[in-house]
PDB file of N, CA and C in Angstrom:
ATOM      1  N   MET A   1     140.515 -13.411-113.525  1.00  0.00           N
ATOM      2  CA  MET A   1     140.400 -11.802-113.960  1.00  0.00           C
ATOM      3  C   MET A   1     139.062 -11.645-114.197  1.00  0.00           C
ATOM      4  N   PRO A   2     138.641 -10.916-113.584  1.00  0.00           N
ATOM      5  CA  PRO A   2     136.849 -10.223-113.779  1.00  0.00           C
ATOM      6  C   PRO A   2     136.692  -9.794-115.192  1.00  0.00           C
ATOM      7  N   ARG A   3     135.516  -9.971-115.857  1.00  0.00           N
ATOM      8  CA  ARG A   3     135.511  -9.470-117.034  1.00  0.00           C
ATOM      9  C   ARG A   3     134.299  -8.460-116.955  1.00  0.00           C
ATOM     10  N   ILE A   4     134.168  -7.583-117.720  1.00  0.00           N
ATOM     11  CA  ILE A   4     133.236  -6.452-117.636  1.00  0.00           C
ATOM     12  C   ILE A   4     133.021  -6.252-118.906  1.00  0.00           C
ATOM     13  N   LEU A   5     131.391  -6.295-119.060  1.00  0.00           N
ATOM     14  CA  LEU A   5     131.011  -5.906-120.778  1.00  0.00           C
ATOM     15  C   LEU A   5     130.506  -4.398-120.228  1.00  0.00           C
ATOM     16  N   TYR A   6     131.073  -3.254-121.554  1.00  0.00           N
ATOM     17  CA  TYR A   6     130.909  -2.588-121.538  1.00  0.00           C
ATOM     18  C   TYR A   6     129.570  -2.011-122.821  1.00  0.00           C
ATOM     19  N   ILE A   7     128.776  -1.774-122.494  1.00  0.00           N
ATOM     20  CA  ILE A   7     127.744  -1.099-123.655  1.00  0.00           C
ATOM     21  C   ILE A   7     127.902   0.112-124.145  1.00  0.00           C
ATOM     22  N   GLU A   8     128.598   0.552-125.101  1.00  0.00           N
ATOM     23  CA  GLU A   8     128.805   2.290-125.169  1.00  0.00           C
ATOM     24  C   GLU A   8     128.741   2.112-126.988  1.00  0.00           C
ATOM     25  N   ASP A   9     128.034   3.130-127.242  1.00  0.00           N
ATOM     26  CA  ASP A   9     128.337   3.553-128.838  1.00  0.00           C
ATOM     27  C   ASP A   9     129.088   4.490-129.262  1.00  0.00           C
ATOM     28  N   ASN A  10     129.894   5.055-128.388  1.00  0.00           N
ATOM     29  CA  ASN A  10     130.738   6.238-128.684  1.00  0.00           C
ATOM     30  C   ASN A  10     132.378   5.136-128.596  1.00  0.00           C
ATOM     31  N   GLU A  11     133.088   5.275-129.625  1.00  0.00           N
ATOM     32  CA  GLU A  11     134.202   4.614-129.867  1.00  0.00           C
ATOM     33  C   GLU A  11     135.627   4.986-129.001  1.00  0.00           C
ATOM     34  N   ASP A  12     135.328   6.242-129.154  1.00  0.00           N
ATOM     35  CA  ASP A  12     136.463   6.985-128.115  1.00  0.00           C
ATOM     36  C   ASP A  12     136.205   6.505-126.978  1.00  0.00           C
ATOM     37  N   ASN A  13     134.941   6.714-126.172  1.00  0.00           N
ATOM     38  CA  ASN A  13     134.651   6.418-125.063  1.00  0.00           C
ATOM     39  C   ASN A  13     135.266   5.198-124.399  1.00  0.00           C
ATOM     40  N   ALA A  14     134.521   4.053-125.418  1.00  0.00           N
ATOM     41  CA  ALA A  14     134.709   2.685-125.177  1.00  0.00           C
ATOM     42  C   ALA A  14     136.274   2.445-125.327  1.00  0.00           C
ATOM     43  N   ALA A  15     137.168   2.956-125.996  1.00  0.00           N
ATOM     44  CA  ALA A  15     138.503   2.952-126.186  1.00  0.00           C
ATOM     45  C   ALA A  15     139.126   3.137-124.944  1.00  0.00           C
ATOM     46  N   MET A  16     138.931   4.619-124.291  1.00  0.00           N
ATOM     47  CA  MET A  16     139.398   5.033-123.476  1.00  0.00           C
ATOM     48  C   MET A  16     139.226   4.420-122.143  1.00  0.00           C
ATOM     49  N   LEU A  17     138.063   4.316-122.003  1.00  0.00           N
ATOM     50  CA  LEU A  17     137.598   2.966-120.623  1.00  0.00           C
ATOM     51  C   LEU A  17     138.503   1.865-120.401  1.00  0.00           C
ATOM     52  N   THR A  18     138.378   1.316-121.355  1.00  0.00           N
ATOM     53  CA  THR A  18     138.330  -0.042-121.884  1.00  0.00           C
ATOM     54  C   THR A  18     140.168  -0.111-122.027  1.00  0.00           C
ATOM     55  N   ALA A  19     141.103   1.009-122.043  1.00  0.00           N
ATOM     56  CA  ALA A  19     142.273   0.835-121.703  1.00  0.00           C
ATOM     57  C   ALA A  19     142.237   1.021-120.378  1.00  0.00           C
ATOM     58  N   TRP A  20     141.712   1.883-119.512  1.00  0.00           N
ATOM     59  CA  TRP A  20     141.769   2.526-118.128  1.00  0.00           C
ATOM     60  C   TRP A  20     141.694   1.257-117.416  1.00  0.00           C
ATOM     61  N   LEU A  21     140.457   0.413-117.496  1.00  0.00           N
ATOM     62  CA  LEU A  21     140.044  -0.341-116.763  1.00  0.00           C
ATOM     63  C   LEU A  21     141.173  -1.836-116.943  1.00  0.00           C
ATOM     64  N   GLU A  22     141.618  -2.370-118.058  1.00  0.00           N
ATOM     65  CA  GLU A  22     142.624  -3.099-118.354  1.00  0.00           C
ATOM     66  C   GLU A  22     143.896  -2.982-117.501  1.00  0.00           C
ATOM     67  N   ILE A  23     144.115  -1.668-117.750  1.00  0.00           N
ATOM     68  CA  ILE A  23     145.626  -1.626-117.035  1.00  0.00           C
ATOM     69  C   ILE A  23     145.597  -1.155-115.785  1.00  0.00           C
ATOM     70  N   GLU A  24     144.855  -0.297-115.255  1.00  0.00           N
ATOM     71  CA  GLU A  24     144.906  -0.132-113.615  1.00  0.00           C
ATOM     72  C   GLU A  24     143.767  -0.818-113.063  1.00  0.00           C
ATOM     73  N   GLY A  25     143.063  -1.187-113.756  1.00  0.00           N
ATOM     74  CA  GLY A  25     141.914  -2.364-112.795  1.00  0.00           C
ATOM     75  C   GLY A  25     142.068  -3.552-112.777  1.00  0.00           C
ATOM     76  N   ASP A  26     143.114  -3.896-113.639  1.00  0.00           N
ATOM     77  CA  ASP A  26     143.422  -5.007-113.778  1.00  0.00           C
ATOM     78  C   ASP A  26     141.963  -6.341-114.470  1.00  0.00           C
ATOM     79  N   LEU A  27     141.206  -5.591-115.341  1.00  0.00           N
ATOM     80  CA  LEU A  27     140.065  -6.236-115.740  1.00  0.00           C
ATOM     81  C   LEU A  27     139.833  -6.777-117.018  1.00  0.00           C
ATOM     82  N   GLU A  28     138.990  -7.533-117.632  1.00  0.00           N
ATOM     83  CA  GLU A  28     139.077  -7.795-118.965  1.00  0.00           C
ATOM     84  C   GLU A  28     137.847  -7.029-119.334  1.00  0.00           C
ATOM     85  N   VAL A  29     137.671  -6.384-120.566  1.00  0.00           N
ATOM     86  CA  VAL A  29     136.746  -5.540-120.649  1.00  0.00           C
ATOM     87  C   VAL A  29     136.341  -6.025-122.470  1.00  0.00           C
ATOM     88  N   ILE A  30     134.968  -6.509-122.637  1.00  0.00           N
ATOM     89  CA  ILE A  30     134.108  -6.642-123.838  1.00  0.00           C
ATOM     90  C   ILE A  30     133.525  -5.778-124.100  1.00  0.00           C
ATOM     91  N   VAL A  31     133.569  -5.238-125.349  1.00  0.00           N
ATOM     92  CA  VAL A  31     132.379  -4.011-125.673  1.00  0.00           C
ATOM     93  C   VAL A  31     131.520  -3.925-126.892  1.00  0.00           C
ATOM     94  N   ALA A  32     130.621  -4.001-126.473  1.00  0.00           N
ATOM     95  CA  ALA A  32     128.875  -3.990-127.273  1.00  0.00           C
ATOM     96  C   ALA A  32     128.577  -2.768-127.848  1.00  0.00           C
ATOM     97  N   PRO A  33     128.825  -2.524-129.218  1.00  0.00           N
ATOM     98  CA  PRO A  33     128.118  -1.056-129.382  1.00  0.00           C
ATOM     99  C   PRO A  33     126.741  -0.497-129.145  1.00  0.00           C
ATOM    100  N   ASN A  34     126.119  -1.166-129.055  1.00  0.00           N
ATOM    101  CA  ASN A  34     124.750  -1.213-128.782  1.00  0.00           C
ATOM    102  C   ASN A  34     123.534  -1.878-127.793  1.00  0.00           C
ATOM    103  N   GLY A  35     122.694  -1.493-127.529  1.00  0.00           N
ATOM    104  CA  GLY A  35     121.763  -2.380-126.272  1.00  0.00           C
ATOM    105  C   GLY A  35     121.657  -3.468-127.188  1.00  0.00           C
ATOM    106  N   ALA A  36     121.335  -3.924-127.817  1.00  0.00           N
ATOM    107  CA  ALA A  36     120.411  -5.148-128.685  1.00  0.00           C
ATOM    108  C   ALA A  36     121.648  -6.245-128.341  1.00  0.00           C
ATOM    109  N   GLN A  37     122.948  -5.545-129.271  1.00  0.00           N
ATOM    110  CA  GLN A  37     124.005  -6.485-128.653  1.00  0.00           C
ATOM    111  C   GLN A  37     124.717  -6.775-127.346  1.00  0.00           C
ATOM    112  N   GLY A  38     124.725  -6.125-126.547  1.00  0.00           N
ATOM    113  CA  GLY A  38     125.142  -5.815-125.390  1.00  0.00           C
ATOM    114  C   GLY A  38     124.244  -7.061-124.356  1.00  0.00           C
ATOM    115  N   VAL A  39     122.620  -6.788-124.747  1.00  0.00           N
ATOM    116  CA  VAL A  39     121.954  -7.708-124.032  1.00  0.00           C
ATOM    117  C   VAL A  39     122.315  -9.261-124.437  1.00  0.00           C
ATOM    118  N   ALA A  40     122.687  -9.324-125.976  1.00  0.00           N
ATOM    119  CA  ALA A  40     122.916 -10.667-125.947  1.00  0.00           C
ATOM    120  C   ALA A  40     124.173 -11.225-125.420  1.00  0.00           C
ATOM    121  N   LEU A  41     125.219 -10.101-125.504  1.00  0.00           N
ATOM    122  CA  LEU A  41     126.595 -10.598-125.268  1.00  0.00           C
ATOM    123  C   LEU A  41     126.217 -10.815-123.340  1.00  0.00           C
ATOM    124  N   ALA A  42     125.691 -10.184-122.999  1.00  0.00           N
ATOM    125  CA  ALA A  42     125.512 -10.212-121.423  1.00  0.00           C
ATOM    126  C   ALA A  42     124.871 -11.465-121.400  1.00  0.00           C
ATOM    127  N   ALA A  43     123.711 -12.445-121.714  1.00  0.00           N
ATOM    128  CA  ALA A  43     123.301 -13.710-121.912  1.00  0.00           C
ATOM    129  C   ALA A  43     124.544 -14.490-122.258  1.00  0.00           C
ATOM    130  N   ARG A  44     124.939 -14.596-123.050  1.00  0.00           N
ATOM    131  CA  ARG A  44     126.036 -15.755-123.684  1.00  0.00           C
ATOM    132  C   ARG A  44     127.646 -15.565-122.899  1.00  0.00           C
ATOM    133  N   GLU A  45     127.855 -14.371-122.992  1.00  0.00           N
ATOM    134  CA  GLU A  45     128.905 -14.504-121.959  1.00  0.00           C
ATOM    135  C   GLU A  45     128.997 -14.276-120.973  1.00  0.00           C
ATOM    136  N   ALA A  46     128.315 -14.212-119.915  1.00  0.00           N
ATOM    137  CA  ALA A  46     128.269 -14.102-118.528  1.00  0.00           C
ATOM    138  C   ALA A  46     129.065 -13.282-117.955  1.00  0.00           C
ATOM    139  N   PRO A  47     129.054 -11.679-118.351  1.00  0.00           N
ATOM    140  CA  PRO A  47     130.446 -11.057-117.302  1.00  0.00           C
ATOM    141  C   PRO A  47     130.056 -10.944-115.908  1.00  0.00           C
ATOM    142  N   ASP A  48     131.468 -10.349-115.351  1.00  0.00           N
ATOM    143  CA  ASP A  48     130.948 -10.220-114.103  1.00  0.00           C
ATOM    144  C   ASP A  48     130.144  -9.119-113.578  1.00  0.00           C
ATOM    145  N   LEU A  49     129.953  -7.968-114.683  1.00  0.00           N
ATOM    146  CA  LEU A  49     129.749  -6.478-113.987  1.00  0.00           C
ATOM    147  C   LEU A  49     129.433  -6.023-115.751  1.00  0.00           C
ATOM    148  N   VAL A  50     128.241  -5.266-115.974  1.00  0.00           N
ATOM    149  CA  VAL A  50     128.181  -4.397-116.908  1.00  0.00           C
ATOM    150  C   VAL A  50     128.107  -2.817-116.859  1.00  0.00           C
ATOM    151  N   LEU A  51     128.991  -2.023-117.770  1.00  0.00           N
ATOM    152  CA  LEU A  51     129.066  -0.702-117.529  1.00  0.00           C
ATOM    153  C   LEU A  51     127.609  -0.496-118.704  1.00  0.00           C
ATOM    154  N   MET A  52     126.794   0.400-118.450  1.00  0.00           N
ATOM    155  CA  MET A  52     125.819   0.750-119.592  1.00  0.00           C
ATOM    156  C   MET A  52     125.452   2.215-119.667  1.00  0.00           C
ATOM    157  N   ASP A  53     125.996   2.810-120.944  1.00  0.00           N
ATOM    158  CA  ASP A  53     125.755   3.855-121.197  1.00  0.00           C
ATOM    159  C   ASP A  53     124.195   3.870-121.724  1.00  0.00           C
ATOM    160  N   LEU A  54     123.536   4.824-121.085  1.00  0.00           N
ATOM    161  CA  LEU A  54     122.284   4.799-121.143  1.00  0.00           C
ATOM    162  C   LEU A  54     121.433   5.486-122.153  1.00  0.00           C
ATOM    163  N   TYR A  55     122.225   6.405-123.055  1.00  0.00           N
ATOM    164  CA  TYR A  55     121.602   6.671-124.569  1.00  0.00           C
ATOM    165  C   TYR A  55     122.241   6.145-125.919  1.00  0.00           C
ATOM    166  N   LEU A  56     121.716   4.757-126.032  1.00  0.00           N
ATOM    167  CA  LEU A  56     122.454   4.137-127.128  1.00  0.00           C
ATOM    168  C   LEU A  56     121.224   4.423-128.308  1.00  0.00           C
ATOM    169  N   PRO A  57     121.946   3.482-129.343  1.00  0.00           N
ATOM    170  CA  PRO A  57     120.864   3.922-130.153  1.00  0.00           C
ATOM    171  C   PRO A  57     119.991   2.492-130.656  1.00  0.00           C
ATOM    172  N   GLY A  58     118.918   2.546-130.970  1.00  0.00           N
ATOM    173  CA  GLY A  58     117.991   1.174-130.758  1.00  0.00           C
ATOM    174  C   GLY A  58     117.523   1.337-129.282  1.00  0.00           C
ATOM    175  N   ILE A  59     118.168  -0.200-128.755  1.00  0.00           N
ATOM    176  CA  ILE A  59     117.466  -0.294-127.843  1.00  0.00           C
ATOM    177  C   ILE A  59     118.534   0.943-126.765  1.00  0.00           C
ATOM    178  N   ASN A  60     117.923   1.619-125.780  1.00  0.00           N
ATOM    179  CA  ASN A  60     118.319   2.267-125.058  1.00  0.00           C
ATOM    180  C   ASN A  60     118.845   1.646-123.940  1.00  0.00           C
ATOM    181  N   GLY A  61     119.827   2.358-122.760  1.00  0.00           N
ATOM    182  CA  GLY A  61     120.371   1.473-122.058  1.00  0.00           C
ATOM    183  C   GLY A  61     119.081   0.954-120.895  1.00  0.00           C
ATOM    184  N   PHE A  62     118.381   2.095-120.876  1.00  0.00           N
ATOM    185  CA  PHE A  62     117.087   1.689-119.855  1.00  0.00           C
ATOM    186  C   PHE A  62     116.331   0.189-120.205  1.00  0.00           C
ATOM    187  N   GLU A  63     115.931   0.198-121.109  1.00  0.00           N
ATOM    188  CA  GLU A  63     115.322  -0.747-121.732  1.00  0.00           C
ATOM    189  C   GLU A  63     116.682  -2.142-121.870  1.00  0.00           C
ATOM    190  N   ALA A  64     117.787  -1.786-122.441  1.00  0.00           N
ATOM    191  CA  ALA A  64     118.573  -3.116-122.334  1.00  0.00           C
ATOM    192  C   ALA A  64     119.225  -3.518-120.680  1.00  0.00           C
ATOM    193  N   ALA A  65     118.825  -2.896-119.870  1.00  0.00           N
ATOM    194  CA  ALA A  65     119.080  -2.948-118.405  1.00  0.00           C
ATOM    195  C   ALA A  65     117.755  -3.811-117.835  1.00  0.00           C
ATOM    196  N   ARG A  66     116.556  -3.389-118.526  1.00  0.00           N
ATOM    197  CA  ARG A  66     115.330  -4.049-118.412  1.00  0.00           C
ATOM    198  C   ARG A  66     115.532  -5.474-118.810  1.00  0.00           C
ATOM    199  N   GLN A  67     115.784  -6.068-120.076  1.00  0.00           N
ATOM    200  CA  GLN A  67     116.086  -7.030-120.587  1.00  0.00           C
ATOM    201  C   GLN A  67     116.961  -7.924-119.882  1.00  0.00           C
ATOM    202  N   ILE A  68     118.334  -7.296-119.661  1.00  0.00           N
ATOM    203  CA  ILE A  68     119.411  -8.251-118.789  1.00  0.00           C
ATOM    204  C   ILE A  68     118.811  -8.889-117.297  1.00  0.00           C
ATOM    205  N   ARG A  69     118.181  -7.957-116.950  1.00  0.00           N
ATOM    206  CA  ARG A  69     117.285  -8.544-115.605  1.00  0.00           C
ATOM    207  C   ARG A  69     116.346  -9.436-115.585  1.00  0.00           C
ATOM    208  N   ALA A  70     115.428  -9.562-116.946  1.00  0.00           N
ATOM    209  CA  ALA A  70     114.421 -10.280-117.273  1.00  0.00           C
ATOM    210  C   ALA A  70     115.308 -11.790-117.687  1.00  0.00           C
ATOM    211  N   GLY A  71     116.614 -12.012-117.982  1.00  0.00           N
ATOM    212  CA  GLY A  71     116.947 -13.019-118.672  1.00  0.00           C
ATOM    213  C   GLY A  71     117.968 -13.906-117.537  1.00  0.00           C
ATOM    214  N   ALA A  72     117.441 -15.310-117.473  1.00  0.00           N
ATOM    215  CA  ALA A  72     117.914 -16.439-116.417  1.00  0.00           C
ATOM    216  C   ALA A  72     119.265 -16.328-116.464  1.00  0.00           C
ATOM    217  N   ALA A  73     120.044 -16.308-117.536  1.00  0.00           N
ATOM    218  CA  ALA A  73     121.511 -15.940-117.244  1.00  0.00           C
ATOM    219  C   ALA A  73     122.345 -15.142-116.760  1.00  0.00           C
ATOM    220  N   SER A  74     121.307 -13.836-116.951  1.00  0.00           N
ATOM    221  CA  SER A  74     121.468 -12.438-116.805  1.00  0.00           C
ATOM    222  C   SER A  74     121.488 -11.496-115.309  1.00  0.00           C
ATOM    223  N   ARG A  75     120.340 -12.027-114.982  1.00  0.00           N
ATOM    224  CA  ARG A  75     119.730 -11.255-113.762  1.00  0.00           C
ATOM    225  C   ARG A  75     120.552 -11.098-112.749  1.00  0.00           C
ATOM    226  N   ARG A  76     121.466 -11.712-112.706  1.00  0.00           N
ATOM    227  CA  ARG A  76     122.045 -11.343-111.069  1.00  0.00           C
ATOM    228  C   ARG A  76     123.443 -10.710-111.540  1.00  0.00           C
ATOM    229  N   ILE A  77     123.758 -10.292-113.003  1.00  0.00           N
ATOM    230  CA  ILE A  77     124.892  -9.539-113.016  1.00  0.00           C
ATOM    231  C   ILE A  77     124.412  -7.936-112.700  1.00  0.00           C
ATOM    232  N   PRO A  78     125.670  -7.488-111.974  1.00  0.00           N
ATOM    233  CA  PRO A  78     125.437  -6.049-111.566  1.00  0.00           C
ATOM    234  C   PRO A  78     125.867  -4.898-112.729  1.00  0.00           C
ATOM    235  N   ILE A  79     125.044  -4.064-112.948  1.00  0.00           N
ATOM    236  CA  ILE A  79     124.917  -3.185-113.830  1.00  0.00           C
ATOM    237  C   ILE A  79     125.309  -2.001-113.432  1.00  0.00           C
ATOM    238  N   ILE A  80     126.347  -0.828-113.474  1.00  0.00           N
ATOM    239  CA  ILE A  80     126.310   0.368-113.536  1.00  0.00           C
ATOM    240  C   ILE A  80     125.899   1.326-115.014  1.00  0.00           C
ATOM    241  N   ALA A  81     124.897   2.279-114.476  1.00  0.00           N
ATOM    242  CA  ALA A  81     124.507   2.990-115.746  1.00  0.00           C
ATOM    243  C   ALA A  81     125.733   3.963-115.772  1.00  0.00           C
ATOM    244  N   LEU A  82     125.847   4.378-116.941  1.00  0.00           N
ATOM    245  CA  LEU A  82     127.092   5.735-117.090  1.00  0.00           C
ATOM    246  C   LEU A  82     125.941   6.746-117.921  1.00  0.00           C
ATOM    247  N   SER A  83     126.327   7.938-117.907  1.00  0.00           N
ATOM    248  CA  SER A  83     125.222   8.906-118.358  1.00  0.00           C
ATOM    249  C   SER A  83     126.045  10.191-118.340  1.00  0.00           C
ATOM    250  N   ALA A  84     125.923  11.004-119.644  1.00  0.00           N
ATOM    251  CA  ALA A  84     126.585  12.592-119.354  1.00  0.00           C
ATOM    252  C   ALA A  84     125.259  12.874-118.536  1.00  0.00           C
ATOM    253  N   HIS A  85     124.365  12.916-118.379  1.00  0.00           N
ATOM    254  CA  HIS A  85     122.791  13.663-118.244  1.00  0.00           C
ATOM    255  C   HIS A  85     123.022  13.221-116.702  1.00  0.00           C
ATOM    256  N   ALA A  86     123.064  14.486-115.668  1.00  0.00           N
ATOM    257  CA  ALA A  86     123.253  14.290-114.502  1.00  0.00           C
ATOM    258  C   ALA A  86     122.019  14.532-113.597  1.00  0.00           C
ATOM    259  N   MET A  87     120.728  14.559-114.443  1.00  0.00           N
ATOM    260  CA  MET A  87     119.604  14.798-114.023  1.00  0.00           C
ATOM    261  C   MET A  87     119.149  14.002-112.650  1.00  0.00           C
ATOM    262  N   GLU A  88     118.660  14.233-112.086  1.00  0.00           N
ATOM    263  CA  GLU A  88     117.778  13.000-110.586  1.00  0.00           C
ATOM    264  C   GLU A  88     117.018  12.085-111.561  1.00  0.00           C
ATOM    265  N   ASP A  89     116.486  12.452-112.383  1.00  0.00           N
ATOM    266  CA  ASP A  89     115.785  11.450-113.215  1.00  0.00           C
ATOM    267  C   ASP A  89     116.078  10.340-113.827  1.00  0.00           C
ATOM    268  N   ASP A  90     117.491  10.844-114.506  1.00  0.00           N
ATOM    269  CA  ASP A  90     118.102   9.425-114.970  1.00  0.00           C
ATOM    270  C   ASP A  90     118.560   8.425-114.145  1.00  0.00           C
ATOM    271  N   ARG A  91     119.119   9.140-112.737  1.00  0.00           N
ATOM    272  CA  ARG A  91     119.841   8.277-112.093  1.00  0.00           C
ATOM    273  C   ARG A  91     118.666   7.540-111.319  1.00  0.00           C
ATOM    274  N   ALA A  92     117.509   7.904-111.359  1.00  0.00           N
ATOM    275  CA  ALA A  92     116.187   7.352-110.587  1.00  0.00           C
ATOM    276  C   ALA A  92     115.483   6.342-111.708  1.00  0.00           C
ATOM    277  N   ASN A  93     115.641   6.935-113.011  1.00  0.00           N
ATOM    278  CA  ASN A  93     115.016   6.032-114.198  1.00  0.00           C
ATOM    279  C   ASN A  93     115.815   4.962-114.345  1.00  0.00           C
ATOM    280  N   ALA A  94     117.301   5.099-114.235  1.00  0.00           N
ATOM    281  CA  ALA A  94     118.505   3.750-114.106  1.00  0.00           C
ATOM    282  C   ALA A  94     118.190   2.860-113.356  1.00  0.00           C
ATOM    283  N   LEU A  95     117.852   3.425-111.905  1.00  0.00           N
ATOM    284  CA  LEU A  95     118.065   2.470-111.127  1.00  0.00           C
ATOM    285  C   LEU A  95     116.765   1.816-111.089  1.00  0.00           C
ATOM    286  N   ALA A  96     115.636   2.300-111.708  1.00  0.00           N
ATOM    287  CA  ALA A  96     114.312   1.256-111.601  1.00  0.00           C
ATOM    288  C   ALA A  96     114.483   0.433-112.911  1.00  0.00           C
ATOM    289  N   ALA A  97     115.295   0.814-113.596  1.00  0.00           N
ATOM    290  CA  ALA A  97     115.104  -0.187-114.595  1.00  0.00           C
ATOM    291  C   ALA A  97     115.973  -1.388-113.945  1.00  0.00           C
ATOM    292  N   GLY A  98     116.609  -1.748-113.208  1.00  0.00           N
ATOM    293  CA  GLY A  98     117.476  -2.581-112.953  1.00  0.00           C
ATOM    294  C   GLY A  98     119.065  -2.180-112.628  1.00  0.00           C
ATOM    295  N   CYS A  99     119.220  -0.898-113.095  1.00  0.00           N
ATOM    296  CA  CYS A  99     120.652  -0.886-112.511  1.00  0.00           C
ATOM    297  C   CYS A  99     121.107  -0.521-111.205  1.00  0.00           C
ATOM    298  N   ASP A 100     122.302  -1.059-110.653  1.00  0.00           N
ATOM    299  CA  ASP A 100     122.595  -1.222-109.222  1.00  0.00           C
ATOM    300  C   ASP A 100     123.433   0.001-108.674  1.00  0.00           C
ATOM    301  N   GLU A 101     123.693   0.785-109.733  1.00  0.00           N
ATOM    302  CA  GLU A 101     124.657   2.092-109.138  1.00  0.00           C
ATOM    303  C   GLU A 101     124.592   2.973-110.541  1.00  0.00           C
ATOM    304  N   PHE A 102     124.659   4.317-110.402  1.00  0.00           N
ATOM    305  CA  PHE A 102     124.771   5.011-111.638  1.00  0.00           C
ATOM    306  C   PHE A 102     125.904   5.990-111.452  1.00  0.00           C
ATOM    307  N   GLU A 103     126.614   6.188-112.141  1.00  0.00           N
ATOM    308  CA  GLU A 103     128.016   7.088-112.860  1.00  0.00           C
ATOM    309  C   GLU A 103     127.785   8.087-113.603  1.00  0.00           C
ATOM    310  N   THR A 104     128.026   9.649-113.604  1.00  0.00           N
ATOM    311  CA  THR A 104     127.963  10.446-114.362  1.00  0.00           C
ATOM    312  C   THR A 104     129.134  10.440-115.109  1.00  0.00           C
ATOM    313  N   LYS A 105     129.224  11.164-116.921  1.00  0.00           N
ATOM    314  CA  LYS A 105     130.530  11.271-117.391  1.00  0.00           C
ATOM    315  C   LYS A 105     130.458  12.741-117.538  1.00  0.00           C
ATOM    316  N   PRO A 106     131.968  13.359-117.672  1.00  0.00           N
ATOM    317  CA  PRO A 106     132.881  12.636-117.508  1.00  0.00           C
ATOM    318  C   PRO A 106     133.131  11.832-116.243  1.00  0.00           C
ATOM    319  N   ILE A 107     133.806  10.662-116.599  1.00  0.00           N
ATOM    320  CA  ILE A 107     133.907   9.629-115.365  1.00  0.00           C
ATOM    321  C   ILE A 107     135.168  10.060-114.686  1.00  0.00           C
ATOM    322  N   VAL A 108     134.837  10.166-113.362  1.00  0.00           N
ATOM    323  CA  VAL A 108     135.878  10.083-112.377  1.00  0.00           C
ATOM    324  C   VAL A 108     136.567   8.815-112.548  1.00  0.00           C
ATOM    325  N   PHE A 109     137.523   8.523-112.854  1.00  0.00           N
ATOM    326  CA  PHE A 109     138.068   6.768-112.765  1.00  0.00           C
ATOM    327  C   PHE A 109     138.017   6.294-111.483  1.00  0.00           C
ATOM    328  N   THR A 110     138.481   7.006-110.496  1.00  0.00           N
ATOM    329  CA  THR A 110     138.891   6.478-109.399  1.00  0.00           C
ATOM    330  C   THR A 110     137.422   5.732-108.685  1.00  0.00           C
ATOM    331  N   ARG A 111     136.355   6.900-108.676  1.00  0.00           N
ATOM    332  CA  ARG A 111     135.137   6.674-108.167  1.00  0.00           C
ATOM    333  C   ARG A 111     134.446   5.456-108.895  1.00  0.00           C
ATOM    334  N   LEU A 112     134.502   5.273-110.319  1.00  0.00           N
ATOM    335  CA  LEU A 112     134.199   4.400-111.068  1.00  0.00           C
ATOM    336  C   LEU A 112     134.688   3.125-110.670  1.00  0.00           C
ATOM    337  N   LEU A 113     135.841   3.225-110.293  1.00  0.00           N
ATOM    338  CA  LEU A 113     136.754   1.829-110.107  1.00  0.00           C
ATOM    339  C   LEU A 113     136.526   1.274-108.976  1.00  0.00           C
ATOM    340  N   ALA A 114     135.865   2.108-107.628  1.00  0.00           N
ATOM    341  CA  ALA A 114     135.906   1.858-106.714  1.00  0.00           C
ATOM    342  C   ALA A 114     134.663   1.086-106.416  1.00  0.00           C
ATOM    343  N   LYS A 115     133.276   1.623-107.648  1.00  0.00           N
ATOM    344  CA  LYS A 115     132.022   0.994-107.723  1.00  0.00           C
ATOM    345  C   LYS A 115     132.401  -0.348-108.132  1.00  0.00           C
ATOM    346  N   ILE A 116     133.053  -0.276-108.796  1.00  0.00           N
ATOM    347  CA  ILE A 116     133.163  -1.973-110.009  1.00  0.00           C
ATOM    348  C   ILE A 116     133.880  -2.882-109.067  1.00  0.00           C
ATOM    349  N   ARG A 117     134.494  -2.235-107.858  1.00  0.00           N
ATOM    350  CA  ARG A 117     135.281  -3.203-106.973  1.00  0.00           C
ATOM    351  C   ARG A 117     134.266  -3.856-105.800  1.00  0.00           C
ATOM    352  N   ARG A 118     133.468  -2.978-105.288  1.00  0.00           N
ATOM    353  CA  ARG A 118     132.064  -3.139-104.269  1.00  0.00           C
ATOM    354  C   ARG A 118     131.598  -3.873-105.149  1.00  0.00           C
ATOM    355  N   LEU A 119     131.364  -3.716-106.209  1.00  0.00           N
ATOM    356  CA  LEU A 119     129.972  -4.427-106.688  1.00  0.00           C
ATOM    357  C   LEU A 119     130.877  -6.009-106.767  1.00  0.00           C
ATOM    358  N   LEU A 120     131.955  -5.938-107.914  1.00  0.00           N
ATOM    359  CA  LEU A 120     132.204  -7.138-107.725  1.00  0.00           C
ATOM    360  C   LEU A 120     132.474  -7.904-106.425  1.00  0.00           C
ATOM    361  N   GLU A 121     132.995  -7.362-105.560  1.00  0.00           N
ATOM    362  CA  GLU A 121     133.027  -8.367-104.162  1.00  0.00           C
ATOM    363  C   GLU A 121     132.053  -8.717-103.349  1.00  0.00           C
ATOM    364  N   ALA A 122     130.688  -8.245-103.926  1.00  0.00           N
ATOM    365  CA  ALA A 122     129.411  -8.428-103.125  1.00  0.00           C
ATOM    366  C   ALA A 122     128.895 -10.195-103.546  1.00  0.00           C
TER     367      ALA A 122
END
C-alpha cells in the first residue's frame, strides 16, 4: 500500500483528506503538523509521495520542499503542493521550490487522486 506524507497544520483538513485517501484511495497517510516535522518524516519514513500545504507555521511549504529535495534520502519523492491561494505566483513558486504538482483548496478529490496516482506510477 503506498504511503503518503501529508504536511498540514489545519487538523480538520488533515483529518478529512486523510480519511478520503485511506478509504477511497487505498493509501496509508502519515500526517506532520508543520514543515520541520514534515522534512524530518520525509527523510526518516521515505514515503511514496508528499502532499504539502504551502502556508505552514515556522518552515513554510516552499522551504520544506527545498529541504526535502536537498536530502539524499528524500530528493526523489514526488511532492504535490496544496494551497488555498490560487495565484499563478504561488504555483510558479511551488514548482520552483521543487514541487511536482500544484492543487488548489478546496480540494477536488477526484482531480487530486488522479495526480497522486499519476505520480505514484511514474
